[in-house]
């Protein structure tokens, strides 16, 4: 079953960093398959999208607002 391997597995810091890098490079609209491929892990496009919008984007936005008020 595709994606079954990534269910319940926590994201490690390298995956988070790679996710941010690839989303900033490729964009966050309709490119989740490419983002998932670039990670080179078992993460599905759906898990990458969920991780970005639920966890990483809010953190990334908050840190940018601190750096660039």
Protein backbone atom coordinates (compact mmCIF):
# COMPACT_ATOMS: atom_id res chain seq x y z
CA UNK A 1 0.00 0.00 0.00
CA UNK A 2 1.61 3.32 -1.07
CA UNK A 3 2.31 5.65 1.80
CA UNK A 4 1.77 2.99 4.45
CA UNK A 5 5.42 3.14 5.48
CA UNK A 6 5.31 6.83 6.38
CA UNK A 7 2.23 6.60 8.60
CA UNK A 8 3.20 7.10 12.20
CA UNK A 9 6.87 7.77 11.49
CA UNK A 10 8.16 11.02 12.94
CA UNK A 11 9.96 13.48 10.70
CA UNK A 12 13.65 13.94 11.39
CA UNK A 13 15.35 17.37 11.25
CA UNK A 14 17.03 16.58 7.91
CA UNK A 15 13.66 15.78 6.33
CA UNK A 16 12.20 19.02 7.68
CA UNK A 17 15.12 21.04 6.31
CA UNK A 18 14.87 19.31 2.92
CA UNK A 19 11.11 19.86 2.87
CA UNK A 20 11.52 23.61 3.47
CA UNK A 21 14.28 23.87 0.86
CA UNK A 22 12.27 22.05 -1.79
CA UNK A 23 9.00 23.86 -1.12
CA UNK A 24 10.76 27.22 -1.33
CA UNK A 25 12.38 26.12 -4.59
CA UNK A 26 9.37 24.41 -6.23
CA UNK A 27 6.46 26.30 -4.64
CA UNK A 28 3.58 25.03 -2.55
CA UNK A 29 0.92 24.66 -5.24
CA UNK A 30 0.53 21.38 -7.09
CA UNK A 31 4.16 20.27 -6.80
CA UNK A 32 3.89 17.84 -3.88
CA UNK A 33 4.85 14.85 -6.03
CA UNK A 34 8.11 16.56 -6.99
CA UNK A 35 8.75 17.65 -3.39
CA UNK A 36 8.20 14.06 -2.24
CA UNK A 37 10.58 12.70 -4.90
CA UNK A 38 13.29 15.20 -3.99
CA UNK A 39 13.17 14.12 -0.33
CA UNK A 40 14.24 10.63 -1.38
CA UNK A 41 12.35 9.06 1.53
CA UNK A 42 9.11 7.11 1.93
CA UNK A 43 7.11 10.34 2.39
CA UNK A 44 4.07 10.61 0.15
CA UNK A 45 3.02 13.82 -1.59
CA UNK A 46 0.10 14.01 0.84
CA UNK A 47 2.32 13.70 3.92
CA UNK A 48 4.68 16.37 2.55
CA UNK A 49 1.79 18.75 1.94
CA UNK A 50 0.33 18.12 5.40
CA UNK A 51 3.71 18.58 7.10
CA UNK A 52 4.29 21.85 5.24
CA UNK A 53 0.92 23.47 5.94
CA UNK A 54 0.40 22.15 9.48
CA UNK A 55 3.92 22.41 10.89
CA UNK A 56 6.71 23.86 8.78
CA UNK A 57 5.02 26.83 7.09
CA UNK A 58 3.87 28.38 10.39
CA UNK A 59 7.37 27.93 11.85
CA UNK A 60 9.03 29.28 8.70
CA UNK A 61 6.66 32.28 8.55
CA UNK A 62 7.20 33.09 12.23
CA UNK A 63 10.99 32.97 11.91
CA UNK A 64 10.91 35.17 8.79
CA UNK A 65 8.76 37.76 10.58
CA UNK A 66 11.34 37.90 13.38
CA UNK A 67 14.18 38.38 10.89
CA UNK A 68 12.36 40.78 8.57
CA UNK A 69 9.86 42.84 10.62
